[in-house]
Amino acid sequence: MTPPSDPAQLTLFRQRSVHEAEHSGEMEGLHVDSDTSSDAVDYVAGRIDSDELVARARARYGLA
C-alpha cells in the first residue's frame, strides 16, 4: 500500500500500520518492548522513516 502524501493522512496511515503490526505480534504471543514502542512513536511522528525503524529493530536484536 502506498503511503498518502498529505501529512495528516500520513500520520494516520503510520498509526494504523503500527497498530496492525503490534496486534499481529500480540496474536502470535509476542510483546512489544518499551524501546520498540519508543521507536514506533518516532516513526508515527515522522521523526524517522520506515527504513530507520527497521534498522533500529534489527540492530537491537543483533540482526544488523
Protein backbone atom coordinates (compact mmCIF):
# COMPACT_ATOMS: atom_id res chain seq x y z
CA MET A 1 0.00 0.00 0.00
CA THR A 2 1.36 3.41 -0.94
CA PRO A 3 1.53 5.93 1.91
CA PRO A 4 -0.56 9.08 1.36
CA SER A 5 1.19 12.36 0.55
CA ASP A 6 -0.99 14.51 2.83
CA PRO A 7 0.85 14.92 6.18
CA ALA A 8 -2.25 14.37 8.33
CA GLN A 9 -3.24 11.29 6.36
CA LEU A 10 0.35 10.02 6.51
CA THR A 11 0.28 10.21 10.31
CA LEU A 12 -2.97 8.24 10.39
CA PHE A 13 -1.51 5.72 7.95
CA ARG A 14 1.54 5.28 10.16
CA GLN A 15 -0.57 4.95 13.32
CA ARG A 16 -2.70 2.30 11.67
CA SER A 17 0.36 0.43 10.37
CA VAL A 18 1.99 0.39 13.81
CA HIS A 19 -1.24 -0.72 15.47
CA GLU A 20 -1.71 -3.54 12.97
CA ALA A 21 1.90 -4.71 13.37
CA GLU A 22 1.66 -4.67 17.18
CA HIS A 23 -1.66 -6.52 17.09
CA SER A 24 -0.26 -9.12 14.71
CA GLY A 25 2.67 -9.72 17.04
CA GLU A 26 0.38 -9.98 20.06
CA MET A 27 -1.74 -12.55 18.23
CA GLU A 28 1.45 -14.60 17.83
CA GLY A 29 2.23 -14.28 21.55
CA LEU A 30 4.87 -11.55 21.23
CA HIS A 31 5.26 -8.43 23.35
CA VAL A 32 6.48 -5.03 22.14
CA ASP A 33 9.18 -3.72 24.49
CA SER A 34 9.49 -0.08 25.55
CA ASP A 35 12.42 0.66 23.20
CA THR A 36 10.47 -0.63 20.21
CA SER A 37 7.38 1.32 21.31
CA SER A 38 9.51 4.46 21.56
CA ASP A 39 10.82 3.87 18.04
CA ALA A 40 7.24 3.42 16.83
CA VAL A 41 6.29 6.78 18.37
CA ASP A 42 9.20 8.41 16.49
CA TYR A 43 8.01 6.75 13.26
CA VAL A 44 4.38 7.85 13.67
CA ALA A 45 5.54 11.41 14.46
CA GLY A 46 7.65 11.45 11.29
CA ARG A 47 10.97 11.81 13.12
CA ILE A 48 12.24 8.62 11.45
CA ASP A 49 11.21 6.78 8.30
CA SER A 50 10.37 3.10 7.93
CA ASP A 51 13.94 2.23 6.89
CA GLU A 52 15.27 3.70 10.14
CA LEU A 53 12.55 1.96 12.15
CA VAL A 54 13.59 -1.40 10.69
CA ALA A 55 17.31 -0.62 11.11
CA ARG A 56 16.81 0.15 14.81
CA ALA A 57 14.89 -3.08 15.38
CA ARG A 58 17.50 -5.13 13.53
CA ALA A 59 20.33 -3.52 15.49
CA ARG A 60 18.52 -4.05 18.79
CA TYR A 61 18.24 -7.78 18.14
CA GLY A 62 21.65 -8.26 16.55
CA LEU A 63 20.36 -8.63 13.00
CA ALA A 64 22.15 -5.62 11.51
